[in-house]
Amino acid sequence: MDQTQITLTILGMAVVTFLPRLLPIKALSARSLPPVLAGWLKHMPIAVLAAMLVPTLLAPEGDLAVNLSNLYLWASIPAWLVARRTHSFVAAVLVGIAVVAIARRLL
């Protein structure tokens, strides 16, 4: 693959990534969304986060592991407490990472 083909491939990938995001913004920016749709969209970040976290917490090795040896499940408890108290996503992630690191070091 020569340099021109690589550059064109990267530019093409940028366009197909950017357009699906730009088009709805441009089409809907002049309109107000119906309250039902606005309420539904308000919950999307929580749903996406849950979809990413639950498989990691409950099946870290690919198989369901809801047991006392599941380190990620244990680390989620202090991370959840920090998130609930501080309302900070970054703080919760840092606490979760720290708990996993400390537990791996000790165990």
PDB file of N, CA and C in Angstrom:
ATOM      1  N   MET A   1       0.850  -1.168   0.000  1.00  0.00           N
ATOM      2  CA  MET A   1       0.000   0.000   0.000  1.00  0.00           C
ATOM      3  C   MET A   1       0.899   1.236   0.000  1.00  0.00           C
ATOM      4  N   ASP A   2       0.694   2.112  -0.952  1.00  0.00           N
ATOM      5  CA  ASP A   2       1.536   3.308  -1.008  1.00  0.00           C
ATOM      6  C   ASP A   2       0.952   4.417  -0.129  1.00  0.00           C
ATOM      7  N   GLN A   3       1.697   5.475   0.028  1.00  0.00           N
ATOM      8  CA  GLN A   3       1.326   6.574   0.923  1.00  0.00           C
ATOM      9  C   GLN A   3       0.004   7.223   0.511  1.00  0.00           C
ATOM     10  N   THR A   4      -0.235   7.393  -0.788  1.00  0.00           N
ATOM     11  CA  THR A   4      -1.475   8.017  -1.263  1.00  0.00           C
ATOM     12  C   THR A   4      -2.681   7.169  -0.891  1.00  0.00           C
ATOM     13  N   GLN A   5      -2.575   5.889  -1.065  1.00  0.00           N
ATOM     14  CA  GLN A   5      -3.689   5.003  -0.741  1.00  0.00           C
ATOM     15  C   GLN A   5      -3.961   4.994   0.763  1.00  0.00           C
ATOM     16  N   ILE A   6      -2.924   5.025   1.563  1.00  0.00           N
ATOM     17  CA  ILE A   6      -3.098   5.082   3.019  1.00  0.00           C
ATOM     18  C   ILE A   6      -3.783   6.384   3.410  1.00  0.00           C
ATOM     19  N   THR A   7      -3.344   7.500   2.840  1.00  0.00           N
ATOM     20  CA  THR A   7      -3.941   8.800   3.145  1.00  0.00           C
ATOM     21  C   THR A   7      -5.406   8.826   2.735  1.00  0.00           C
ATOM     22  N   LEU A   8      -5.725   8.332   1.550  1.00  0.00           N
ATOM     23  CA  LEU A   8      -7.117   8.305   1.091  1.00  0.00           C
ATOM     24  C   LEU A   8      -7.975   7.392   1.963  1.00  0.00           C
ATOM     25  N   THR A   9      -7.419   6.298   2.408  1.00  0.00           N
ATOM     26  CA  THR A   9      -8.152   5.398   3.299  1.00  0.00           C
ATOM     27  C   THR A   9      -8.463   6.084   4.622  1.00  0.00           C
ATOM     28  N   ILE A  10      -7.492   6.768   5.187  1.00  0.00           N
ATOM     29  CA  ILE A  10      -7.700   7.480   6.455  1.00  0.00           C
ATOM     30  C   ILE A  10      -8.728   8.588   6.273  1.00  0.00           C
ATOM     31  N   LEU A  11      -8.635   9.343   5.199  1.00  0.00           N
ATOM     32  CA  LEU A  11      -9.618  10.404   4.940  1.00  0.00           C
ATOM     33  C   LEU A  11     -11.015   9.822   4.741  1.00  0.00           C
ATOM     34  N   GLY A  12     -11.114   8.727   4.026  1.00  0.00           N
ATOM     35  CA  GLY A  12     -12.413   8.076   3.837  1.00  0.00           C
ATOM     36  C   GLY A  12     -13.003   7.600   5.148  1.00  0.00           C
ATOM     37  N   MET A  13     -12.168   7.035   6.001  1.00  0.00           N
ATOM     38  CA  MET A  13     -12.641   6.587   7.309  1.00  0.00           C
ATOM     39  C   MET A  13     -13.083   7.769   8.160  1.00  0.00           C
ATOM     40  N   ALA A  14     -12.386   8.885   8.058  1.00  0.00           N
ATOM     41  CA  ALA A  14     -12.777  10.084   8.798  1.00  0.00           C
ATOM     42  C   ALA A  14     -14.138  10.580   8.331  1.00  0.00           C
ATOM     43  N   VAL A  15     -14.365  10.571   7.027  1.00  0.00           N
ATOM     44  CA  VAL A  15     -15.647  11.039   6.485  1.00  0.00           C
ATOM     45  C   VAL A  15     -16.792  10.146   6.947  1.00  0.00           C
ATOM     46  N   VAL A  16     -16.628   8.821   6.849  1.00  0.00           N
ATOM     47  CA  VAL A  16     -17.722   7.933   7.243  1.00  0.00           C
ATOM     48  C   VAL A  16     -17.919   7.894   8.757  1.00  0.00           C
ATOM     49  N   THR A  17     -16.956   8.344   9.512  1.00  0.00           N
ATOM     50  CA  THR A  17     -17.135   8.473  10.958  1.00  0.00           C
ATOM     51  C   THR A  17     -17.809   9.794  11.307  1.00  0.00           C
ATOM     52  N   PHE A  18     -17.441  10.840  10.606  1.00  0.00           N
ATOM     53  CA  PHE A  18     -17.922  12.182  10.916  1.00  0.00           C
ATOM     54  C   PHE A  18     -19.351  12.423  10.420  1.00  0.00           C
ATOM     55  N   LEU A  19     -19.677  11.979   9.217  1.00  0.00           N
ATOM     56  CA  LEU A  19     -20.990  12.262   8.630  1.00  0.00           C
ATOM     57  C   LEU A  19     -22.171  11.735   9.446  1.00  0.00           C
ATOM     58  N   PRO A  20     -22.149  10.500   9.936  1.00  0.00           N
ATOM     59  CA  PRO A  20     -23.292  10.039  10.734  1.00  0.00           C
ATOM     60  C   PRO A  20     -23.508  10.839  12.015  1.00  0.00           C
ATOM     61  N   ARG A  21     -22.496  11.531  12.468  1.00  0.00           N
ATOM     62  CA  ARG A  21     -22.645  12.380  13.648  1.00  0.00           C
ATOM     63  C   ARG A  21     -23.108  13.773  13.267  1.00  0.00           C
ATOM     64  N   LEU A  22     -22.609  14.267  12.160  1.00  0.00           N
ATOM     65  CA  LEU A  22     -22.928  15.625  11.732  1.00  0.00           C
ATOM     66  C   LEU A  22     -24.351  15.751  11.206  1.00  0.00           C
ATOM     67  N   LEU A  23     -24.790  14.803  10.406  1.00  0.00           N
ATOM     68  CA  LEU A  23     -26.096  14.913   9.759  1.00  0.00           C
ATOM     69  C   LEU A  23     -27.261  15.028  10.753  1.00  0.00           C
ATOM     70  N   PRO A  24     -27.358  14.190  11.784  1.00  0.00           N
ATOM     71  CA  PRO A  24     -28.458  14.379  12.739  1.00  0.00           C
ATOM     72  C   PRO A  24     -28.373  15.710  13.492  1.00  0.00           C
ATOM     73  N   ILE A  25     -27.164  16.150  13.791  1.00  0.00           N
ATOM     74  CA  ILE A  25     -27.017  17.429  14.493  1.00  0.00           C
ATOM     75  C   ILE A  25     -27.528  18.562  13.624  1.00  0.00           C
ATOM     76  N   LYS A  26     -27.138  18.560  12.364  1.00  0.00           N
ATOM     77  CA  LYS A  26     -27.590  19.608  11.445  1.00  0.00           C
ATOM     78  C   LYS A  26     -29.095  19.527  11.211  1.00  0.00           C
ATOM     79  N   ALA A  27     -29.623  18.333  11.078  1.00  0.00           N
ATOM     80  CA  ALA A  27     -31.047  18.165  10.785  1.00  0.00           C
ATOM     81  C   ALA A  27     -31.924  18.525  11.978  1.00  0.00           C
ATOM     82  N   LEU A  28     -31.445  18.277  13.185  1.00  0.00           N
ATOM     83  CA  LEU A  28     -32.281  18.483  14.371  1.00  0.00           C
ATOM     84  C   LEU A  28     -31.957  19.746  15.152  1.00  0.00           C
ATOM     85  N   SER A  29     -30.930  20.484  14.766  1.00  0.00           N
ATOM     86  CA  SER A  29     -30.522  21.643  15.564  1.00  0.00           C
ATOM     87  C   SER A  29     -31.550  22.768  15.537  1.00  0.00           C
ATOM     88  N   ALA A  30     -32.310  22.894  14.482  1.00  0.00           N
ATOM     89  CA  ALA A  30     -33.297  23.975  14.395  1.00  0.00           C
ATOM     90  C   ALA A  30     -34.627  23.579  15.022  1.00  0.00           C
ATOM     91  N   ARG A  31     -34.794  22.334  15.382  1.00  0.00           N
ATOM     92  CA  ARG A  31     -36.056  21.841  15.936  1.00  0.00           C
ATOM     93  C   ARG A  31     -35.905  21.536  17.419  1.00  0.00           C
ATOM     94  N   SER A  32     -37.031  21.581  18.101  1.00  0.00           N
ATOM     95  CA  SER A  32     -37.023  21.094  19.480  1.00  0.00           C
ATOM     96  C   SER A  32     -37.566  19.668  19.457  1.00  0.00           C
ATOM     97  N   LEU A  33     -36.979  18.832  20.244  1.00  0.00           N
ATOM     98  CA  LEU A  33     -37.375  17.431  20.272  1.00  0.00           C
ATOM     99  C   LEU A  33     -38.653  17.258  21.075  1.00  0.00           C
ATOM    100  N   PRO A  34     -39.474  16.294  20.718  1.00  0.00           N
ATOM    101  CA  PRO A  34     -40.652  15.996  21.535  1.00  0.00           C
ATOM    102  C   PRO A  34     -40.208  15.583  22.940  1.00  0.00           C
ATOM    103  N   PRO A  35     -40.995  15.923  23.947  1.00  0.00           N
ATOM    104  CA  PRO A  35     -40.597  15.606  25.330  1.00  0.00           C
ATOM    105  C   PRO A  35     -40.302  14.121  25.562  1.00  0.00           C
ATOM    106  N   VAL A  36     -41.046  13.242  24.918  1.00  0.00           N
ATOM    107  CA  VAL A  36     -40.812  11.804  25.102  1.00  0.00           C
ATOM    108  C   VAL A  36     -39.427  11.426  24.579  1.00  0.00           C
ATOM    109  N   LEU A  37     -39.070  11.928  23.409  1.00  0.00           N
ATOM    110  CA  LEU A  37     -37.761  11.627  22.828  1.00  0.00           C
ATOM    111  C   LEU A  37     -36.639  12.266  23.646  1.00  0.00           C
ATOM    112  N   ALA A  38     -36.852  13.488  24.102  1.00  0.00           N
ATOM    113  CA  ALA A  38     -35.842  14.164  24.923  1.00  0.00           C
ATOM    114  C   ALA A  38     -35.612  13.397  26.228  1.00  0.00           C
ATOM    115  N   GLY A  39     -36.683  12.916  26.836  1.00  0.00           N
ATOM    116  CA  GLY A  39     -36.554  12.127  28.061  1.00  0.00           C
ATOM    117  C   GLY A  39     -35.835  10.820  27.824  1.00  0.00           C
ATOM    118  N   TRP A  40     -36.113  10.188  26.680  1.00  0.00           N
ATOM    119  CA  TRP A  40     -35.457   8.936  26.331  1.00  0.00           C
ATOM    120  C   TRP A  40     -33.970   9.153  26.100  1.00  0.00           C
ATOM    121  N   LEU A  41     -33.626  10.208  25.389  1.00  0.00           N
ATOM    122  CA  LEU A  41     -32.222  10.501  25.100  1.00  0.00           C
ATOM    123  C   LEU A  41     -31.442  10.872  26.358  1.00  0.00           C
ATOM    124  N   LYS A  42     -32.141  11.427  27.346  1.00  0.00           N
ATOM    125  CA  LYS A  42     -31.487  11.808  28.598  1.00  0.00           C
ATOM    126  C   LYS A  42     -30.909  10.588  29.320  1.00  0.00           C
ATOM    127  N   HIS A  43     -31.517   9.434  29.109  1.00  0.00           N
ATOM    128  CA  HIS A  43     -31.073   8.214  29.788  1.00  0.00           C
ATOM    129  C   HIS A  43     -30.062   7.408  28.978  1.00  0.00           C
ATOM    130  N   MET A  44     -29.732   7.831  27.790  1.00  0.00           N
ATOM    131  CA  MET A  44     -28.812   7.070  26.945  1.00  0.00           C
ATOM    132  C   MET A  44     -27.409   6.913  27.543  1.00  0.00           C
ATOM    133  N   PRO A  45     -26.798   7.956  28.118  1.00  0.00           N
ATOM    134  CA  PRO A  45     -25.454   7.749  28.681  1.00  0.00           C
ATOM    135  C   PRO A  45     -25.431   6.676  29.766  1.00  0.00           C
ATOM    136  N   ILE A  46     -26.463   6.617  30.587  1.00  0.00           N
ATOM    137  CA  ILE A  46     -26.530   5.611  31.646  1.00  0.00           C
ATOM    138  C   ILE A  46     -26.657   4.222  31.038  1.00  0.00           C
ATOM    139  N   ALA A  47     -27.479   4.102  30.010  1.00  0.00           N
ATOM    140  CA  ALA A  47     -27.678   2.804  29.362  1.00  0.00           C
ATOM    141  C   ALA A  47     -26.401   2.321  28.689  1.00  0.00           C
ATOM    142  N   VAL A  48     -25.691   3.217  28.040  1.00  0.00           N
ATOM    143  CA  VAL A  48     -24.443   2.840  27.368  1.00  0.00           C
ATOM    144  C   VAL A  48     -23.396   2.436  28.404  1.00  0.00           C
ATOM    145  N   LEU A  49     -23.297   3.186  29.482  1.00  0.00           N
ATOM    146  CA  LEU A  49     -22.337   2.850  30.536  1.00  0.00           C
ATOM    147  C   LEU A  49     -22.659   1.486  31.149  1.00  0.00           C
ATOM    148  N   ALA A  50     -23.935   1.240  31.409  1.00  0.00           N
ATOM    149  CA  ALA A  50     -24.332  -0.061  31.959  1.00  0.00           C
ATOM    150  C   ALA A  50     -24.007  -1.191  30.991  1.00  0.00           C
ATOM    151  N   ALA A  51     -24.236  -0.967  29.709  1.00  0.00           N
ATOM    152  CA  ALA A  51     -23.946  -2.000  28.707  1.00  0.00           C
ATOM    153  C   ALA A  51     -22.455  -2.306  28.638  1.00  0.00           C
ATOM    154  N   MET A  52     -21.626  -1.332  28.938  1.00  0.00           N
ATOM    155  CA  MET A  52     -20.181  -1.566  28.926  1.00  0.00           C
ATOM    156  C   MET A  52     -19.697  -2.197  30.231  1.00  0.00           C
ATOM    157  N   LEU A  53     -20.293  -1.821  31.351  1.00  0.00           N
ATOM    158  CA  LEU A  53     -19.806  -2.277  32.652  1.00  0.00           C
ATOM    159  C   LEU A  53     -20.295  -3.656  33.065  1.00  0.00           C
ATOM    160  N   VAL A  54     -21.559  -3.942  32.857  1.00  0.00           N
ATOM    161  CA  VAL A  54     -22.139  -5.181  33.386  1.00  0.00           C
ATOM    162  C   VAL A  54     -21.414  -6.436  32.885  1.00  0.00           C
ATOM    163  N   PRO A  55     -21.119  -6.565  31.596  1.00  0.00           N
ATOM    164  CA  PRO A  55     -20.377  -7.772  31.182  1.00  0.00           C
ATOM    165  C   PRO A  55     -19.006  -7.891  31.847  1.00  0.00           C
ATOM    166  N   THR A  56     -18.330  -6.778  32.043  1.00  0.00           N
ATOM    167  CA  THR A  56     -17.013  -6.812  32.684  1.00  0.00           C
ATOM    168  C   THR A  56     -17.126  -7.188  34.156  1.00  0.00           C
ATOM    169  N   LEU A  57     -18.153  -6.690  34.818  1.00  0.00           N
ATOM    170  CA  LEU A  57     -18.318  -6.979  36.240  1.00  0.00           C
ATOM    171  C   LEU A  57     -18.776  -8.412  36.490  1.00  0.00           C
ATOM    172  N   LEU A  58     -19.698  -8.895  35.678  1.00  0.00           N
ATOM    173  CA  LEU A  58     -20.290 -10.200  35.943  1.00  0.00           C
ATOM    174  C   LEU A  58     -19.615 -11.356  35.217  1.00  0.00           C
ATOM    175  N   ALA A  59     -18.893 -11.061  34.145  1.00  0.00           N
ATOM    176  CA  ALA A  59     -18.228 -12.124  33.387  1.00  0.00           C
ATOM    177  C   ALA A  59     -16.861 -11.658  32.908  1.00  0.00           C
ATOM    178  N   PRO A  60     -15.929 -11.395  33.824  1.00  0.00           N
ATOM    179  CA  PRO A  60     -14.634 -10.844  33.417  1.00  0.00           C
ATOM    180  C   PRO A  60     -13.805 -11.776  32.533  1.00  0.00           C
ATOM    181  N   GLU A  61     -13.980 -13.071  32.675  1.00  0.00           N
ATOM    182  CA  GLU A  61     -13.220 -14.029  31.860  1.00  0.00           C
ATOM    183  C   GLU A  61     -14.065 -14.600  30.730  1.00  0.00           C
ATOM    184  N   GLY A  62     -15.267 -14.074  30.560  1.00  0.00           N
ATOM    185  CA  GLY A  62     -16.146 -14.570  29.509  1.00  0.00           C
ATOM    186  C   GLY A  62     -17.261 -15.456  30.028  1.00  0.00           C
ATOM    187  N   ASP A  63     -17.081 -16.049  31.192  1.00  0.00           N
ATOM    188  CA  ASP A  63     -18.109 -16.874  31.815  1.00  0.00           C
ATOM    189  C   ASP A  63     -18.653 -16.143  33.032  1.00  0.00           C
ATOM    190  N   LEU A  64     -19.925 -16.358  33.325  1.00  0.00           N
ATOM    191  CA  LEU A  64     -20.561 -15.703  34.461  1.00  0.00           C
ATOM    192  C   LEU A  64     -19.798 -16.032  35.737  1.00  0.00           C
ATOM    193  N   ALA A  65     -19.424 -14.993  36.487  1.00  0.00           N
ATOM    194  CA  ALA A  65     -18.620 -15.176  37.697  1.00  0.00           C
ATOM    195  C   ALA A  65     -19.147 -14.284  38.812  1.00  0.00           C
ATOM    196  N   VAL A  66     -20.337 -14.620  39.306  1.00  0.00           N
ATOM    197  CA  VAL A  66     -20.895 -13.878  40.434  1.00  0.00           C
ATOM    198  C   VAL A  66     -20.528 -14.665  41.691  1.00  0.00           C
ATOM    199  N   ASN A  67     -19.295 -14.455  42.136  1.00  0.00           N
ATOM    200  CA  ASN A  67     -18.795 -15.172  43.299  1.00  0.00           C
ATOM    201  C   ASN A  67     -17.812 -14.282  44.057  1.00  0.00           C
ATOM    202  N   LEU A  68     -17.335 -14.774  45.176  1.00  0.00           N
ATOM    203  CA  LEU A  68     -16.458 -13.976  46.033  1.00  0.00           C
ATOM    204  C   LEU A  68     -15.069 -13.759  45.448  1.00  0.00           C
ATOM    205  N   SER A  69     -14.675 -14.530  44.461  1.00  0.00           N
ATOM    206  CA  SER A  69     -13.346 -14.357  43.872  1.00  0.00           C
ATOM    207  C   SER A  69     -13.336 -13.381  42.698  1.00  0.00           C
ATOM    208  N   ASN A  70     -14.473 -12.812  42.359  1.00  0.00           N
ATOM    209  CA  ASN A  70     -14.557 -11.849  41.255  1.00  0.00           C
ATOM    210  C   ASN A  70     -14.058 -10.489  41.744  1.00  0.00           C
ATOM    211  N   LEU A  71     -12.825 -10.182  41.412  1.00  0.00           N
ATOM    212  CA  LEU A  71     -12.170  -8.954  41.864  1.00  0.00           C
ATOM    213  C   LEU A  71     -12.881  -7.694  41.363  1.00  0.00           C
ATOM    214  N   TYR A  72     -13.349  -7.733  40.126  1.00  0.00           N
ATOM    215  CA  TYR A  72     -14.003  -6.561  39.541  1.00  0.00           C
ATOM    216  C   TYR A  72     -15.316  -6.249  40.254  1.00  0.00           C
ATOM    217  N   LEU A  73     -16.014  -7.283  40.663  1.00  0.00           N
ATOM    218  CA  LEU A  73     -17.261  -7.082  41.395  1.00  0.00           C
ATOM    219  C   LEU A  73     -16.986  -6.425  42.745  1.00  0.00           C
ATOM    220  N   TRP A  74     -15.924  -6.862  43.418  1.00  0.00           N
ATOM    221  CA  TRP A  74     -15.537  -6.238  44.684  1.00  0.00           C
ATOM    222  C   TRP A  74     -15.109  -4.785  44.483  1.00  0.00           C
ATOM    223  N   ALA A  75     -14.361  -4.516  43.434  1.00  0.00           N
ATOM    224  CA  ALA A  75     -13.890  -3.153  43.173  1.00  0.00           C
ATOM    225  C   ALA A  75     -15.032  -2.223  42.799  1.00  0.00           C
ATOM    226  N   SER A  76     -16.108  -2.777  42.282  1.00  0.00           N
ATOM    227  CA  SER A  76     -17.235  -1.920  41.899  1.00  0.00           C
ATOM    228  C   SER A  76     -17.948  -1.328  43.111  1.00  0.00           C
ATOM    229  N   ILE A  77     -17.836  -1.960  44.250  1.00  0.00           N
ATOM    230  CA  ILE A  77     -18.539  -1.460  45.446  1.00  0.00           C
ATOM    231  C   ILE A  77     -17.965  -0.122  45.908  1.00  0.00           C
ATOM    232  N   PRO A  78     -16.660  -0.001  46.189  1.00  0.00           N
ATOM    233  CA  PRO A  78     -16.151   1.323  46.570  1.00  0.00           C
ATOM    234  C   PRO A  78     -16.256   2.341  45.433  1.00  0.00           C
ATOM    235  N   ALA A  79     -16.124   1.885  44.192  1.00  0.00           N
ATOM    236  CA  ALA A  79     -16.263   2.816  43.067  1.00  0.00           C
ATOM    237  C   ALA A  79     -17.678   3.376  43.019  1.00  0.00           C
ATOM    238  N   TRP A  80     -18.669   2.516  43.242  1.00  0.00           N
ATOM    239  CA  TRP A  80     -20.063   2.968  43.258  1.00  0.00           C
ATOM    240  C   TRP A  80     -20.298   3.941  44.417  1.00  0.00           C
ATOM    241  N   LEU A  81     -19.735   3.636  45.583  1.00  0.00           N
ATOM    242  CA  LEU A  81     -19.909   4.528  46.736  1.00  0.00           C
ATOM    243  C   LEU A  81     -19.304   5.903  46.466  1.00  0.00           C
ATOM    244  N   VAL A  82     -18.130   5.936  45.861  1.00  0.00           N
ATOM    245  CA  VAL A  82     -17.493   7.216  45.522  1.00  0.00           C
ATOM    246  C   VAL A  82     -18.320   7.955  44.479  1.00  0.00           C
ATOM    247  N   ALA A  83     -18.805   7.249  43.477  1.00  0.00           N
ATOM    248  CA  ALA A  83     -19.626   7.887  42.441  1.00  0.00           C
ATOM    249  C   ALA A  83     -20.896   8.468  43.039  1.00  0.00           C
ATOM    250  N   ARG A  84     -21.498   7.731  43.948  1.00  0.00           N
ATOM    251  CA  ARG A  84     -22.747   8.200  44.577  1.00  0.00           C
ATOM    252  C   ARG A  84     -22.499   9.431  45.448  1.00  0.00           C
ATOM    253  N   ARG A  85     -21.385   9.425  46.136  1.00  0.00           N
ATOM    254  CA  ARG A  85     -21.106  10.546  47.045  1.00  0.00           C
ATOM    255  C   ARG A  85     -20.593  11.787  46.313  1.00  0.00           C
ATOM    256  N   THR A  86     -19.695  11.596  45.350  1.00  0.00           N
ATOM    257  CA  THR A  86     -19.051  12.746  44.705  1.00  0.00           C
ATOM    258  C   THR A  86     -19.697  13.145  43.383  1.00  0.00           C
ATOM    259  N   HIS A  87     -20.483  12.244  42.786  1.00  0.00           N
ATOM    260  CA  HIS A  87     -21.070  12.486  41.452  1.00  0.00           C
ATOM    261  C   HIS A  87     -19.979  12.733  40.416  1.00  0.00           C
ATOM    262  N   SER A  88     -18.831  12.122  40.624  1.00  0.00           N
ATOM    263  CA  SER A  88     -17.697  12.299  39.726  1.00  0.00           C
ATOM    264  C   SER A  88     -17.352  10.966  39.066  1.00  0.00           C
ATOM    265  N   PHE A  89     -17.511  10.918  37.762  1.00  0.00           N
ATOM    266  CA  PHE A  89     -17.175   9.718  37.005  1.00  0.00           C
ATOM    267  C   PHE A  89     -15.687   9.417  37.115  1.00  0.00           C
ATOM    268  N   VAL A  90     -14.870  10.452  37.014  1.00  0.00           N
ATOM    269  CA  VAL A  90     -13.417  10.279  37.067  1.00  0.00           C
ATOM    270  C   VAL A  90     -12.992   9.724  38.425  1.00  0.00           C
ATOM    271  N   ALA A  91     -13.541  10.264  39.497  1.00  0.00           N
ATOM    272  CA  ALA A  91     -13.190   9.780  40.834  1.00  0.00           C
ATOM    273  C   ALA A  91     -13.587   8.316  41.002  1.00  0.00           C
ATOM    274  N   ALA A  92     -14.750   7.952  40.509  1.00  0.00           N
ATOM    275  CA  ALA A  92     -15.201   6.564  40.623  1.00  0.00           C
ATOM    276  C   ALA A  92     -14.289   5.626  39.841  1.00  0.00           C
ATOM    277  N   VAL A  93     -13.909   6.020  38.650  1.00  0.00           N
ATOM    278  CA  VAL A  93     -13.012   5.188  37.835  1.00  0.00           C
ATOM    279  C   VAL A  93     -11.661   5.044  38.522  1.00  0.00           C
ATOM    280  N   LEU A  94     -11.131   6.142  39.043  1.00  0.00           N
ATOM    281  CA  LEU A  94      -9.832   6.084  39.717  1.00  0.00           C
ATOM    282  C   LEU A  94      -9.874   5.186  40.948  1.00  0.00           C
ATOM    283  N   VAL A  95     -10.949   5.264  41.710  1.00  0.00           N
ATOM    284  CA  VAL A  95     -11.084   4.401  42.888  1.00  0.00           C
ATOM    285  C   VAL A  95     -11.181   2.941  42.461  1.00  0.00           C
ATOM    286  N   GLY A  96     -11.963   2.662  41.431  1.00  0.00           N
ATOM    287  CA  GLY A  96     -12.070   1.288  40.942  1.00  0.00           C
ATOM    288  C   GLY A  96     -10.732   0.736  40.487  1.00  0.00           C
ATOM    289  N   ILE A  97      -9.982   1.531  39.747  1.00  0.00           N
ATOM    290  CA  ILE A  97      -8.657   1.109  39.281  1.00  0.00           C
ATOM    291  C   ILE A  97      -7.724   0.885  40.465  1.00  0.00           C
ATOM    292  N   ALA A  98      -7.763   1.792  41.433  1.00  0.00           N
ATOM    293  CA  ALA A  98      -6.894   1.667  42.605  1.00  0.00           C
ATOM    294  C   ALA A  98      -7.226   0.414  43.407  1.00  0.00           C
ATOM    295  N   VAL A  99      -8.501   0.135  43.586  1.00  0.00           N
ATOM    296  CA  VAL A  99      -8.892  -1.058  44.352  1.00  0.00           C
ATOM    297  C   VAL A  99      -8.426  -2.323  43.641  1.00  0.00           C
ATOM    298  N   VAL A 100      -8.598  -2.380  42.332  1.00  0.00           N
ATOM    299  CA  VAL A 100      -8.145  -3.558  41.584  1.00  0.00           C
ATOM    300  C   VAL A 100      -6.625  -3.692  41.683  1.00  0.00           C
ATOM    301  N   ALA A 101      -5.902  -2.593  41.537  1.00  0.00           N
ATOM    302  CA  ALA A 101      -4.437  -2.640  41.601  1.00  0.00           C
ATOM    303  C   ALA A 101      -3.957  -3.097  42.974  1.00  0.00           C
ATOM    304  N   ILE A 102      -4.547  -2.543  44.017  1.00  0.00           N
ATOM    305  CA  ILE A 102      -4.146  -2.917  45.382  1.00  0.00           C
ATOM    306  C   ILE A 102      -4.491  -4.378  45.659  1.00  0.00           C
ATOM    307  N   ALA A 103      -5.675  -4.790  45.264  1.00  0.00           N
ATOM    308  CA  ALA A 103      -6.088  -6.177  45.507  1.00  0.00           C
ATOM    309  C   ALA A 103      -5.203  -7.160  44.742  1.00  0.00           C
ATOM    310  N   ARG A 104      -4.840  -6.826  43.512  1.00  0.00           N
ATOM    311  CA  ARG A 104      -3.948  -7.714  42.748  1.00  0.00           C
ATOM    312  C   ARG A 104      -2.576  -7.802  43.400  1.00  0.00           C
ATOM    313  N   ARG A 105      -2.127  -6.706  43.961  1.00  0.00           N
ATOM    314  CA  ARG A 105      -0.811  -6.670  44.615  1.00  0.00           C
ATOM    315  C   ARG A 105      -0.838  -7.518  45.891  1.00  0.00           C
ATOM    316  N   LEU A 106      -1.944  -7.430  46.635  1.00  0.00           N
ATOM    317  CA  LEU A 106      -2.045  -8.145  47.904  1.00  0.00           C
ATOM    318  C   LEU A 106      -2.399  -9.620  47.732  1.00  0.00           C
ATOM    319  N   LEU A 107      -3.147  -9.926  46.691  1.00  0.00           N
ATOM    320  CA  LEU A 107      -3.602 -11.323  46.529  1.00  0.00           C
ATOM    321  C   LEU A 107      -2.642 -12.083  45.721  1.00  0.00           C
TER     322      LEU A 107
END
